[in-house]
Amino acid sequence: MSKKPLVVITRKLPDSVETRMRELFEARLNVDDRRLTKAELIEAVSHANVLVPTITDHITEEIISAAGPNLKLIANFGNGTDNIDVVAAAKHGITVTNTPNVLTEDTADMTMALMLAVPRRLVEGASILLDDGKWEGWGPTWMLGRRIWGKRLGIVGMGRIGTAVARRAKAFGLSIHYHNRKPVSPKTEDELEATYWESLDQMLARMDIISVNCPSTPATFHLLSARRIALMQPTAFIVNTARGQIIDEHALIEQLEHGKLSGAALDVFEHEPAVNSKLRKLARQGKVVILPHMGSATLEGRIDMGEKVIINIRAFIDGHRPPDRVLPRDR
């Protein structure tokens, strides 16, 4: 591999990251930030030494099979790799990396914001002031929401982000409960005064707020199924800043439409970037807050991600194991 490998970057990245990429590599940028078609991705992998995709790029087995002999690294600009067929990449001798640990605090901040937004009706209140003359002034029963202090929060997935959410929520006076593949360390559990639930079903039935913070894997697809969503109390709220596919969106909509849940706040969607029209209607009714996948959208976070990508590429071309290499899971 040459000292300046051809690195194809599929989306627009922060200027400082792109500048550094141009200094270090023969970087092909996407200055228009247009989502590449499958044909364009196939063309890119046929020439590149390194591909830098994002979560909007589905790097399938078909695309990987079309790669030229020079493609040796897929350096994902993203915390996960559910957009990449890691197994197929491994079969073709292509290393895959991601950018973990840089978005934890930003995503946890947004989760906490959404946890407040729905019960306290923040979006509804803000929108009223945009309509001249609609607000007639304060009243004792005007725009009443629900208190979150003292409520029970159930966290689905107590990894780095789930733990960061728990720390914030504890400071807001919520009681911390969680479901995970295994309990967290006794030290963390004591710090958070957290209660572990081995049974997700039992936890869902007893919580006031559910926060989804687990990764998207085949095992977590529709983890919150219609059956499980129906277990939740009608006074409960659900927040999702993880991945849309973790929740059966159709079932969630039905529960909200029939008043069997108090509300939801979603930063991600099952068929993203498409947003179900019924969710938009529920949002206009104040039953749902929806955001366009903004959970990690801070300038600092994106720059940190870019620096991780660069470190992984440089380590790889220097003949070292990239620090954020992703190994394939068994299917």
C-alpha atoms as a PDB file:
ATOM      1  CA  MET A   1       0.000   0.000   0.000  1.00  0.00           C
ATOM      2  CA  SER A   2       1.341   3.431  -0.903  1.00  0.00           C
ATOM      3  CA  LYS A   3       2.209   6.015   1.711  1.00  0.00           C
ATOM      4  CA  LYS A   4      -0.818   8.004   0.600  1.00  0.00           C
ATOM      5  CA  PRO A   5      -3.663   5.503   0.221  1.00  0.00           C
ATOM      6  CA  LEU A   6      -6.837   6.400  -1.622  1.00  0.00           C
ATOM      7  CA  VAL A   7      -9.462   7.030   1.053  1.00  0.00           C
ATOM      8  CA  VAL A   8     -13.055   7.468  -0.141  1.00  0.00           C
ATOM      9  CA  ILE A   9     -15.293   9.336   2.302  1.00  0.00           C
ATOM     10  CA  THR A  10     -19.000   8.879   1.599  1.00  0.00           C
ATOM     11  CA  ARG A  11     -20.454  11.941   3.350  1.00  0.00           C
ATOM     12  CA  LYS A  12     -19.453  15.499   4.252  1.00  0.00           C
ATOM     13  CA  LEU A  13     -17.427  15.596   7.473  1.00  0.00           C
ATOM     14  CA  PRO A  14     -16.404  18.624   9.582  1.00  0.00           C
ATOM     15  CA  ASP A  15     -13.954  20.856   7.727  1.00  0.00           C
ATOM     16  CA  SER A  16     -11.115  20.258  10.192  1.00  0.00           C
ATOM     17  CA  VAL A  17     -11.466  16.494   9.747  1.00  0.00           C
ATOM     18  CA  GLU A  18     -11.528  16.706   5.953  1.00  0.00           C
ATOM     19  CA  THR A  19      -8.508  19.001   5.951  1.00  0.00           C
ATOM     20  CA  ARG A  20      -6.544  16.529   8.050  1.00  0.00           C
ATOM     21  CA  MET A  21      -7.658  13.691   5.770  1.00  0.00           C
ATOM     22  CA  ARG A  22      -6.354  15.606   2.731  1.00  0.00           C
ATOM     23  CA  GLU A  23      -3.027  16.197   4.475  1.00  0.00           C
ATOM     24  CA  LEU A  24      -2.508  12.532   5.341  1.00  0.00           C
ATOM     25  CA  PHE A  25      -4.179  10.619   2.525  1.00  0.00           C
ATOM     26  CA  GLU A  26      -5.313  10.860  -1.048  1.00  0.00           C
ATOM     27  CA  ALA A  27      -8.811  11.678   0.176  1.00  0.00           C
ATOM     28  CA  ARG A  28     -11.836  11.685  -2.106  1.00  0.00           C
ATOM     29  CA  LEU A  29     -14.436  13.886  -0.410  1.00  0.00           C
ATOM     30  CA  ASN A  30     -18.198  14.204  -0.838  1.00  0.00           C
ATOM     31  CA  VAL A  31     -18.461  17.988  -0.718  1.00  0.00           C
ATOM     32  CA  ASP A  32     -22.141  17.948  -1.740  1.00  0.00           C
ATOM     33  CA  ASP A  33     -23.022  15.580   1.152  1.00  0.00           C
ATOM     34  CA  ARG A  34     -25.240  13.601  -1.194  1.00  0.00           C
ATOM     35  CA  ARG A  35     -26.015  10.051  -0.131  1.00  0.00           C
ATOM     36  CA  LEU A  36     -24.202   7.717  -2.529  1.00  0.00           C
ATOM     37  CA  THR A  37     -26.170   5.209  -4.555  1.00  0.00           C
ATOM     38  CA  LYS A  38     -25.366   1.497  -4.491  1.00  0.00           C
ATOM     39  CA  ALA A  39     -23.707   1.837  -7.880  1.00  0.00           C
ATOM     40  CA  GLU A  40     -21.542   4.676  -6.607  1.00  0.00           C
ATOM     41  CA  LEU A  41     -20.540   2.669  -3.530  1.00  0.00           C
ATOM     42  CA  ILE A  42     -19.590  -0.257  -5.762  1.00  0.00           C
ATOM     43  CA  GLU A  43     -17.500   2.092  -7.910  1.00  0.00           C
ATOM     44  CA  ALA A  44     -15.852   3.500  -4.765  1.00  0.00           C
ATOM     45  CA  VAL A  45     -14.840   0.122  -3.308  1.00  0.00           C
ATOM     46  CA  SER A  46     -13.505  -1.016  -6.672  1.00  0.00           C
ATOM     47  CA  HIS A  47     -10.747   1.618  -6.495  1.00  0.00           C
ATOM     48  CA  ALA A  48     -10.277   2.617  -2.854  1.00  0.00           C
ATOM     49  CA  ASN A  49      -7.703   1.390  -0.379  1.00  0.00           C
ATOM     50  CA  VAL A  50      -9.918   2.593   2.479  1.00  0.00           C
ATOM     51  CA  LEU A  51     -13.656   3.284   2.549  1.00  0.00           C
ATOM     52  CA  VAL A  52     -15.046   5.651   5.189  1.00  0.00           C
ATOM     53  CA  PRO A  53     -18.831   5.099   5.248  1.00  0.00           C
ATOM     54  CA  THR A  54     -21.429   6.370   7.685  1.00  0.00           C
ATOM     55  CA  ILE A  55     -24.581   4.816   9.129  1.00  0.00           C
ATOM     56  CA  THR A  56     -26.529   5.944   6.047  1.00  0.00           C
ATOM     57  CA  ASP A  57     -24.413   3.689   3.822  1.00  0.00           C
ATOM     58  CA  HIS A  58     -25.433   0.033   3.751  1.00  0.00           C
ATOM     59  CA  ILE A  59     -22.227  -1.816   2.945  1.00  0.00           C
ATOM     60  CA  THR A  60     -23.754  -5.138   1.995  1.00  0.00           C
ATOM     61  CA  GLU A  61     -22.161  -8.410   0.934  1.00  0.00           C
ATOM     62  CA  GLU A  62     -22.915  -7.455  -2.682  1.00  0.00           C
ATOM     63  CA  ILE A  63     -20.941  -4.229  -2.364  1.00  0.00           C
ATOM     64  CA  ILE A  64     -18.076  -5.921  -0.503  1.00  0.00           C
ATOM     65  CA  SER A  65     -17.899  -8.660  -3.141  1.00  0.00           C
ATOM     66  CA  ALA A  66     -17.403  -5.943  -5.778  1.00  0.00           C
ATOM     67  CA  ALA A  67     -14.373  -4.533  -3.972  1.00  0.00           C
ATOM     68  CA  GLY A  68     -11.123  -4.354  -5.781  1.00  0.00           C
ATOM     69  CA  PRO A  69      -7.978  -6.063  -4.474  1.00  0.00           C
ATOM     70  CA  ASN A  70      -6.737  -2.825  -2.939  1.00  0.00           C
ATOM     71  CA  LEU A  71      -9.621  -2.359  -0.484  1.00  0.00           C
ATOM     72  CA  LYS A  72      -8.267  -3.508   2.856  1.00  0.00           C
ATOM     73  CA  LEU A  73     -10.059  -1.331   5.403  1.00  0.00           C
ATOM     74  CA  ILE A  74     -13.604  -0.071   6.008  1.00  0.00           C
ATOM     75  CA  ALA A  75     -13.273   2.642   8.659  1.00  0.00           C
ATOM     76  CA  ASN A  76     -16.833   3.366   9.697  1.00  0.00           C
ATOM     77  CA  PHE A  77     -17.656   6.922  10.786  1.00  0.00           C
ATOM     78  CA  GLY A  78     -20.054   5.727  13.469  1.00  0.00           C
ATOM     79  CA  ASN A  79     -20.297   4.095  16.859  1.00  0.00           C
ATOM     80  CA  GLY A  80     -21.856   0.886  15.547  1.00  0.00           C
ATOM     81  CA  THR A  81     -21.344  -1.281  12.492  1.00  0.00           C
ATOM     82  CA  ASP A  82     -24.895  -2.514  11.867  1.00  0.00           C
ATOM     83  CA  ASN A  83     -24.683  -0.806   8.458  1.00  0.00           C
ATOM     84  CA  ILE A  84     -21.810  -3.080   7.413  1.00  0.00           C
ATOM     85  CA  ASP A  85     -21.759  -6.813   6.716  1.00  0.00           C
ATOM     86  CA  VAL A  86     -18.754  -7.445   8.955  1.00  0.00           C
ATOM     87  CA  VAL A  87     -18.844 -11.191   8.307  1.00  0.00           C
ATOM     88  CA  ALA A  88     -18.605 -10.664   4.529  1.00  0.00           C
ATOM     89  CA  ALA A  89     -15.791  -8.159   5.028  1.00  0.00           C
ATOM     90  CA  ALA A  90     -13.822 -10.689   7.083  1.00  0.00           C
ATOM     91  CA  LYS A  91     -14.295 -13.355   4.399  1.00  0.00           C
ATOM     92  CA  HIS A  92     -12.767 -10.980   1.853  1.00  0.00           C
ATOM     93  CA  GLY A  93      -9.853 -10.103   4.142  1.00  0.00           C
ATOM     94  CA  ILE A  94     -11.124  -6.576   4.815  1.00  0.00           C
ATOM     95  CA  THR A  95     -10.710  -5.074   8.278  1.00  0.00           C
ATOM     96  CA  VAL A  96     -13.601  -3.070   9.775  1.00  0.00           C
ATOM     97  CA  THR A  97     -13.292  -0.363  12.422  1.00  0.00           C
ATOM     98  CA  ASN A  98     -15.728   2.004  14.134  1.00  0.00           C
ATOM     99  CA  THR A  99     -15.616   5.041  16.441  1.00  0.00           C
ATOM    100  CA  PRO A 100     -16.706   3.938  19.937  1.00  0.00           C
ATOM    101  CA  ASN A 101     -16.625   5.873  23.204  1.00  0.00           C
ATOM    102  CA  VAL A 102     -16.803   9.401  21.716  1.00  0.00           C
ATOM    103  CA  LEU A 103     -20.585   9.864  21.564  1.00  0.00           C
ATOM    104  CA  THR A 104     -21.535   8.584  25.006  1.00  0.00           C
ATOM    105  CA  GLU A 105     -22.011  11.908  26.761  1.00  0.00           C
ATOM    106  CA  ASP A 106     -23.696  13.661  23.824  1.00  0.00           C
ATOM    107  CA  THR A 107     -26.213  10.848  23.377  1.00  0.00           C
ATOM    108  CA  ALA A 108     -26.869  10.677  27.105  1.00  0.00           C
ATOM    109  CA  ASP A 109     -27.506  14.439  27.152  1.00  0.00           C
ATOM    110  CA  MET A 110     -30.073  14.104  24.365  1.00  0.00           C
ATOM    111  CA  THR A 111     -31.719  11.133  26.070  1.00  0.00           C
ATOM    112  CA  MET A 112     -32.142  13.191  29.219  1.00  0.00           C
ATOM    113  CA  ALA A 113     -33.507  16.104  27.199  1.00  0.00           C
ATOM    114  CA  LEU A 114     -36.139  13.854  25.602  1.00  0.00           C
ATOM    115  CA  MET A 115     -36.935  12.303  28.968  1.00  0.00           C
ATOM    116  CA  LEU A 116     -37.914  15.788  30.133  1.00  0.00           C
ATOM    117  CA  ALA A 117     -39.487  16.941  26.860  1.00  0.00           C
ATOM    118  CA  VAL A 118     -42.380  14.492  26.707  1.00  0.00           C
ATOM    119  CA  PRO A 119     -43.758  14.484  30.288  1.00  0.00           C
ATOM    120  CA  ARG A 120     -43.253  18.255  30.623  1.00  0.00           C
ATOM    121  CA  ARG A 121     -44.734  18.986  27.153  1.00  0.00           C
ATOM    122  CA  LEU A 122     -41.829  21.204  26.113  1.00  0.00           C
ATOM    123  CA  VAL A 123     -42.407  21.046  22.361  1.00  0.00           C
ATOM    124  CA  GLU A 124     -46.130  21.709  22.749  1.00  0.00           C
ATOM    125  CA  GLY A 125     -45.456  24.711  24.948  1.00  0.00           C
ATOM    126  CA  ALA A 126     -42.820  26.174  22.646  1.00  0.00           C
ATOM    127  CA  SER A 127     -45.041  25.791  19.572  1.00  0.00           C
ATOM    128  CA  ILE A 128     -47.928  27.688  21.202  1.00  0.00           C
ATOM    129  CA  LEU A 129     -45.783  30.819  21.449  1.00  0.00           C
ATOM    130  CA  LEU A 130     -45.162  30.695  17.694  1.00  0.00           C
ATOM    131  CA  ASP A 131     -48.867  31.257  17.046  1.00  0.00           C
ATOM    132  CA  ASP A 132     -49.667  34.928  17.718  1.00  0.00           C
ATOM    133  CA  GLY A 133     -52.495  35.391  20.167  1.00  0.00           C
ATOM    134  CA  LYS A 134     -52.892  31.735  21.038  1.00  0.00           C
ATOM    135  CA  TRP A 135     -51.431  32.119  24.536  1.00  0.00           C
ATOM    136  CA  GLU A 136     -53.595  34.138  26.877  1.00  0.00           C
ATOM    137  CA  GLY A 137     -51.276  33.930  29.868  1.00  0.00           C
ATOM    138  CA  TRP A 138     -50.536  31.647  32.797  1.00  0.00           C
ATOM    139  CA  GLY A 139     -53.263  29.606  34.449  1.00  0.00           C
ATOM    140  CA  PRO A 140     -53.163  27.032  37.260  1.00  0.00           C
ATOM    141  CA  THR A 141     -54.302  24.191  35.008  1.00  0.00           C
ATOM    142  CA  TRP A 142     -52.600  25.407  31.821  1.00  0.00           C
ATOM    143  CA  MET A 143     -50.310  22.905  30.005  1.00  0.00           C
ATOM    144  CA  LEU A 144     -50.044  20.493  32.903  1.00  0.00           C
ATOM    145  CA  GLY A 145     -47.474  17.785  32.369  1.00  0.00           C
ATOM    146  CA  ARG A 146     -46.143  15.008  34.557  1.00  0.00           C
ATOM    147  CA  ARG A 147     -43.377  15.199  37.161  1.00  0.00           C
ATOM    148  CA  ILE A 148     -40.303  13.015  36.548  1.00  0.00           C
ATOM    149  CA  TRP A 149     -38.708  13.474  39.973  1.00  0.00           C
ATOM    150  CA  GLY A 150     -39.329  10.389  42.080  1.00  0.00           C
ATOM    151  CA  LYS A 151     -40.358   8.239  39.117  1.00  0.00           C
ATOM    152  CA  ARG A 152     -38.881   4.874  38.146  1.00  0.00           C
ATOM    153  CA  LEU A 153     -36.628   4.809  35.086  1.00  0.00           C
ATOM    154  CA  GLY A 154     -36.029   1.482  33.343  1.00  0.00           C
ATOM    155  CA  ILE A 155     -32.929   1.449  31.130  1.00  0.00           C
ATOM    156  CA  VAL A 156     -32.793  -1.190  28.410  1.00  0.00           C
ATOM    157  CA  GLY A 157     -29.071  -1.739  27.814  1.00  0.00           C
ATOM    158  CA  MET A 158     -26.698  -0.625  30.571  1.00  0.00           C
ATOM    159  CA  GLY A 159     -23.579  -0.108  28.499  1.00  0.00           C
ATOM    160  CA  ARG A 160     -21.607   3.125  28.348  1.00  0.00           C
ATOM    161  CA  ILE A 161     -24.535   5.246  27.161  1.00  0.00           C
ATOM    162  CA  GLY A 162     -27.077   3.582  29.452  1.00  0.00           C
ATOM    163  CA  THR A 163     -24.795   4.149  32.430  1.00  0.00           C
ATOM    164  CA  ALA A 164     -24.263   7.803  31.464  1.00  0.00           C
ATOM    165  CA  VAL A 165     -28.050   8.231  31.197  1.00  0.00           C
ATOM    166  CA  ALA A 166     -28.457   6.643  34.630  1.00  0.00           C
ATOM    167  CA  ARG A 167     -26.012   9.113  36.196  1.00  0.00           C
ATOM    168  CA  ARG A 168     -27.926  12.060  34.784  1.00  0.00           C
ATOM    169  CA  ALA A 169     -31.309  10.622  35.707  1.00  0.00           C
ATOM    170  CA  LYS A 170     -30.228   9.926  39.280  1.00  0.00           C
ATOM    171  CA  ALA A 171     -29.294  13.594  39.625  1.00  0.00           C
ATOM    172  CA  PHE A 172     -32.854  14.440  38.527  1.00  0.00           C
ATOM    173  CA  GLY A 173     -34.252  12.305  41.324  1.00  0.00           C
ATOM    174  CA  LEU A 174     -35.298   9.247  39.342  1.00  0.00           C
ATOM    175  CA  SER A 175     -35.023   5.730  40.721  1.00  0.00           C
ATOM    176  CA  ILE A 176     -32.707   3.711  38.468  1.00  0.00           C
ATOM    177  CA  HIS A 177     -33.637   0.252  37.186  1.00  0.00           C
ATOM    178  CA  TYR A 178     -32.047  -1.607  34.305  1.00  0.00           C
ATOM    179  CA  HIS A 179     -32.099  -4.722  32.147  1.00  0.00           C
ATOM    180  CA  ASN A 180     -28.870  -5.966  30.613  1.00  0.00           C
ATOM    181  CA  ARG A 181     -27.290  -9.216  29.497  1.00  0.00           C
ATOM    182  CA  LYS A 182     -25.579  -9.258  32.880  1.00  0.00           C
ATOM    183  CA  PRO A 183     -25.460  -6.940  35.905  1.00  0.00           C
ATOM    184  CA  VAL A 184     -23.029  -4.043  35.922  1.00  0.00           C
ATOM    185  CA  SER A 185     -20.206  -4.021  38.454  1.00  0.00           C
ATOM    186  CA  PRO A 186     -21.221  -3.805  42.132  1.00  0.00           C
ATOM    187  CA  LYS A 187     -19.361  -0.478  42.340  1.00  0.00           C
ATOM    188  CA  THR A 188     -21.445   1.047  39.510  1.00  0.00           C
ATOM    189  CA  GLU A 189     -24.655  -0.454  40.867  1.00  0.00           C
ATOM    190  CA  ASP A 190     -23.960   1.019  44.313  1.00  0.00           C
ATOM    191  CA  GLU A 191     -23.041   4.418  42.862  1.00  0.00           C
ATOM    192  CA  LEU A 192     -26.304   4.596  40.922  1.00  0.00           C
ATOM    193  CA  GLU A 193     -28.397   2.805  43.557  1.00  0.00           C
ATOM    194  CA  ALA A 194     -29.577   0.773  40.582  1.00  0.00           C
ATOM    195  CA  THR A 195     -31.817  -2.281  40.565  1.00  0.00           C
ATOM    196  CA  TYR A 196     -31.052  -5.049  38.079  1.00  0.00           C
ATOM    197  CA  TRP A 197     -33.910  -6.896  36.376  1.00  0.00           C
ATOM    198  CA  GLU A 198     -33.014 -10.182  34.746  1.00  0.00           C
ATOM    199  CA  SER A 199     -36.505 -10.239  33.219  1.00  0.00           C
ATOM    200  CA  LEU A 200     -37.157  -7.443  30.741  1.00  0.00           C
ATOM    201  CA  ASP A 201     -40.880  -8.239  30.852  1.00  0.00           C
ATOM    202  CA  GLN A 202     -41.068  -7.708  34.590  1.00  0.00           C
ATOM    203  CA  MET A 203     -39.161  -4.437  34.417  1.00  0.00           C
ATOM    204  CA  LEU A 204     -41.284  -3.008  31.602  1.00  0.00           C
ATOM    205  CA  ALA A 205     -44.480  -3.652  33.562  1.00  0.00           C
ATOM    206  CA  ARG A 206     -43.297  -1.621  36.548  1.00  0.00           C
ATOM    207  CA  MET A 207     -41.546   1.450  35.140  1.00  0.00           C
ATOM    208  CA  ASP A 208     -42.748   5.025  34.645  1.00  0.00           C
ATOM    209  CA  ILE A 209     -40.180   5.786  31.921  1.00  0.00           C
ATOM    210  CA  ILE A 210     -38.318   3.395  29.638  1.00  0.00           C
ATOM    211  CA  SER A 211     -35.075   4.475  27.956  1.00  0.00           C
ATOM    212  CA  VAL A 212     -33.769   2.326  25.088  1.00  0.00           C
ATOM    213  CA  ASN A 213     -29.971   2.374  25.007  1.00  0.00           C
ATOM    214  CA  CYS A 214     -28.929  -1.052  23.722  1.00  0.00           C
ATOM    215  CA  PRO A 215     -27.087  -1.663  20.416  1.00  0.00           C
ATOM    216  CA  SER A 216     -28.845  -2.824  17.267  1.00  0.00           C
ATOM    217  CA  THR A 217     -28.074  -6.484  16.640  1.00  0.00           C
ATOM    218  CA  PRO A 218     -30.097  -9.391  15.271  1.00  0.00           C
ATOM    219  CA  ALA A 219     -30.868 -10.288  18.899  1.00  0.00           C
ATOM    220  CA  THR A 220     -32.288  -6.831  19.677  1.00  0.00           C
ATOM    221  CA  PHE A 221     -34.454  -6.484  16.554  1.00  0.00           C
ATOM    222  CA  HIS A 222     -37.965  -5.717  17.883  1.00  0.00           C
ATOM    223  CA  LEU A 223     -36.716  -6.414  21.394  1.00  0.00           C
ATOM    224  CA  LEU A 224     -39.602  -4.174  22.427  1.00  0.00           C
ATOM    225  CA  SER A 225     -42.196  -6.207  20.573  1.00  0.00           C
ATOM    226  CA  ALA A 226     -45.944  -5.695  20.515  1.00  0.00           C
ATOM    227  CA  ARG A 227     -46.295  -8.132  23.402  1.00  0.00           C
ATOM    228  CA  ARG A 228     -43.692  -6.337  25.501  1.00  0.00           C
ATOM    229  CA  ILE A 229     -44.949  -2.838  24.756  1.00  0.00           C
ATOM    230  CA  ALA A 230     -48.404  -3.972  25.875  1.00  0.00           C
ATOM    231  CA  LEU A 231     -46.907  -4.822  29.289  1.00  0.00           C
ATOM    232  CA  MET A 232     -46.134  -1.157  29.984  1.00  0.00           C
ATOM    233  CA  GLN A 233     -48.362   0.945  32.189  1.00  0.00           C
ATOM    234  CA  PRO A 234     -50.731   3.384  30.447  1.00  0.00           C
ATOM    235  CA  THR A 235     -49.059   6.213  32.399  1.00  0.00           C
ATOM    236  CA  ALA A 236     -45.589   5.282  31.117  1.00  0.00           C
ATOM    237  CA  PHE A 237     -43.347   7.043  28.605  1.00  0.00           C
ATOM    238  CA  ILE A 238     -40.731   5.562  26.284  1.00  0.00           C
ATOM    239  CA  VAL A 239     -37.566   7.236  24.951  1.00  0.00           C
ATOM    240  CA  ASN A 240     -35.400   5.819  22.146  1.00  0.00           C
ATOM    241  CA  THR A 241     -32.042   7.309  21.159  1.00  0.00           C
ATOM    242  CA  ALA A 242     -30.489   3.963  20.132  1.00  0.00           C
ATOM    243  CA  ARG A 243     -31.824   2.438  16.895  1.00  0.00           C
ATOM    244  CA  GLY A 244     -35.348   2.440  15.503  1.00  0.00           C
ATOM    245  CA  GLN A 245     -35.376  -1.285  14.749  1.00  0.00           C
ATOM    246  CA  ILE A 246     -35.223  -2.148  18.455  1.00  0.00           C
ATOM    247  CA  ILE A 247     -38.879  -1.109  18.851  1.00  0.00           C
ATOM    248  CA  ASP A 248     -41.806  -2.535  16.890  1.00  0.00           C
ATOM    249  CA  GLU A 249     -42.836   0.896  15.631  1.00  0.00           C
ATOM    250  CA  HIS A 250     -46.268  -0.228  14.402  1.00  0.00           C
ATOM    251  CA  ALA A 251     -47.090  -1.667  17.833  1.00  0.00           C
ATOM    252  CA  LEU A 252     -45.845   1.470  19.578  1.00  0.00           C
ATOM    253  CA  ILE A 253     -48.054   3.650  17.388  1.00  0.00           C
ATOM    254  CA  GLU A 254     -51.101   1.498  18.149  1.00  0.00           C
ATOM    255  CA  GLN A 255     -50.528   1.762  21.901  1.00  0.00           C
ATOM    256  CA  LEU A 256     -50.173   5.538  21.665  1.00  0.00           C
ATOM    257  CA  GLU A 257     -53.232   5.943  19.444  1.00  0.00           C
ATOM    258  CA  HIS A 258     -55.384   3.987  21.884  1.00  0.00           C
ATOM    259  CA  GLY A 259     -54.121   5.826  24.967  1.00  0.00           C
ATOM    260  CA  LYS A 260     -52.331   2.771  26.348  1.00  0.00           C
ATOM    261  CA  LEU A 261     -49.102   4.759  26.702  1.00  0.00           C
ATOM    262  CA  SER A 262     -48.735   8.355  27.844  1.00  0.00           C
ATOM    263  CA  GLY A 263     -46.148   9.323  25.275  1.00  0.00           C
ATOM    264  CA  ALA A 264     -42.904   8.636  23.460  1.00  0.00           C
ATOM    265  CA  ALA A 265     -39.797  10.522  22.393  1.00  0.00           C
ATOM    266  CA  LEU A 266     -37.965   9.147  19.370  1.00  0.00           C
ATOM    267  CA  ASP A 267     -34.692  10.277  17.856  1.00  0.00           C
ATOM    268  CA  VAL A 268     -34.526   7.199  15.609  1.00  0.00           C
ATOM    269  CA  PHE A 269     -37.028   5.333  13.436  1.00  0.00           C
ATOM    270  CA  GLU A 270     -37.517   1.796  12.213  1.00  0.00           C
ATOM    271  CA  HIS A 271     -37.412   2.716   8.512  1.00  0.00           C
ATOM    272  CA  GLU A 272     -35.161   5.752   8.732  1.00  0.00           C
ATOM    273  CA  PRO A 273     -34.985   8.210   7.040  1.00  0.00           C
ATOM    274  CA  ALA A 274     -38.691   7.583   6.381  1.00  0.00           C
ATOM    275  CA  VAL A 275     -40.885   8.635   9.294  1.00  0.00           C
ATOM    276  CA  ASN A 276     -44.276   7.001   9.673  1.00  0.00           C
ATOM    277  CA  SER A 277     -47.076   9.495   8.925  1.00  0.00           C
ATOM    278  CA  LYS A 278     -48.923   8.252  12.003  1.00  0.00           C
ATOM    279  CA  LEU A 279     -45.983   9.313  14.159  1.00  0.00           C
ATOM    280  CA  ARG A 280     -46.113  12.776  12.616  1.00  0.00           C
ATOM    281  CA  LYS A 281     -49.824  12.953  13.443  1.00  0.00           C
ATOM    282  CA  LEU A 282     -49.169  11.857  17.036  1.00  0.00           C
ATOM    283  CA  ALA A 283     -46.443  14.491  17.271  1.00  0.00           C
ATOM    284  CA  ARG A 284     -48.898  17.184  16.179  1.00  0.00           C
ATOM    285  CA  GLN A 285     -51.241  15.932  18.902  1.00  0.00           C
ATOM    286  CA  GLY A 286     -48.509  16.273  21.529  1.00  0.00           C
ATOM    287  CA  LYS A 287     -48.278  12.558  22.240  1.00  0.00           C
ATOM    288  CA  VAL A 288     -44.853  12.114  20.678  1.00  0.00           C
ATOM    289  CA  VAL A 289     -41.676  14.150  20.318  1.00  0.00           C
ATOM    290  CA  ILE A 290     -39.733  13.211  17.193  1.00  0.00           C
ATOM    291  CA  LEU A 291     -36.234  14.362  16.252  1.00  0.00           C
ATOM    292  CA  PRO A 292     -34.209  13.683  13.073  1.00  0.00           C
ATOM    293  CA  HIS A 293     -31.472  11.457  14.569  1.00  0.00           C
ATOM    294  CA  MET A 294     -29.779  14.271  16.496  1.00  0.00           C
ATOM    295  CA  GLY A 295     -28.636  12.328  19.563  1.00  0.00           C
ATOM    296  CA  SER A 296     -24.921  12.619  18.863  1.00  0.00           C
ATOM    297  CA  ALA A 297     -25.070  15.765  16.735  1.00  0.00           C
ATOM    298  CA  THR A 298     -22.500  18.038  18.341  1.00  0.00           C
ATOM    299  CA  LEU A 299     -19.555  19.573  16.508  1.00  0.00           C
ATOM    300  CA  GLU A 300     -17.209  18.297  19.189  1.00  0.00           C
ATOM    301  CA  GLY A 301     -18.573  14.776  18.851  1.00  0.00           C
ATOM    302  CA  ARG A 302     -18.247  14.706  15.068  1.00  0.00           C
ATOM    303  CA  ILE A 303     -14.666  15.980  15.231  1.00  0.00           C
ATOM    304  CA  ASP A 304     -13.813  13.331  17.826  1.00  0.00           C
ATOM    305  CA  MET A 305     -15.317  10.691  15.526  1.00  0.00           C
ATOM    306  CA  GLY A 306     -13.233  11.940  12.622  1.00  0.00           C
ATOM    307  CA  GLU A 307     -10.068  11.822  14.695  1.00  0.00           C
ATOM    308  CA  LYS A 308     -10.871   8.208  15.629  1.00  0.00           C
ATOM    309  CA  VAL A 309     -11.288   7.328  11.951  1.00  0.00           C
ATOM    310  CA  ILE A 310      -7.930   8.910  11.145  1.00  0.00           C
ATOM    311  CA  ILE A 311      -6.186   7.066  13.991  1.00  0.00           C
ATOM    312  CA  ASN A 312      -7.626   3.757  12.796  1.00  0.00           C
ATOM    313  CA  ILE A 313      -6.530   4.382   9.199  1.00  0.00           C
ATOM    314  CA  ARG A 314      -3.028   5.464  10.174  1.00  0.00           C
ATOM    315  CA  ALA A 315      -2.549   2.497  12.490  1.00  0.00           C
ATOM    316  CA  PHE A 316      -3.676   0.134   9.740  1.00  0.00           C
ATOM    317  CA  ILE A 317      -1.491   1.534   6.959  1.00  0.00           C
ATOM    318  CA  ASP A 318       1.487   1.515   9.354  1.00  0.00           C
ATOM    319  CA  GLY A 319       0.990  -2.207   9.803  1.00  0.00           C
ATOM    320  CA  HIS A 320      -0.527  -2.097  13.284  1.00  0.00           C
ATOM    321  CA  ARG A 321      -3.830  -3.427  14.559  1.00  0.00           C
ATOM    322  CA  PRO A 322      -6.342  -0.547  14.510  1.00  0.00           C
ATOM    323  CA  PRO A 323      -7.466   0.302  18.051  1.00  0.00           C
ATOM    324  CA  ASP A 324     -11.159   0.081  17.137  1.00  0.00           C
ATOM    325  CA  ARG A 325     -11.210  -3.073  15.024  1.00  0.00           C
ATOM    326  CA  VAL A 326     -14.588  -4.812  14.930  1.00  0.00           C
ATOM    327  CA  LEU A 327     -14.650  -8.600  14.809  1.00  0.00           C
ATOM    328  CA  PRO A 328     -17.544 -10.447  13.148  1.00  0.00           C
ATOM    329  CA  ARG A 329     -20.255 -11.923  15.342  1.00  0.00           C
ATOM    330  CA  ASP A 330     -21.484 -15.416  14.701  1.00  0.00           C
ATOM    331  CA  ARG A 331     -24.694 -15.348  12.730  1.00  0.00           C
END
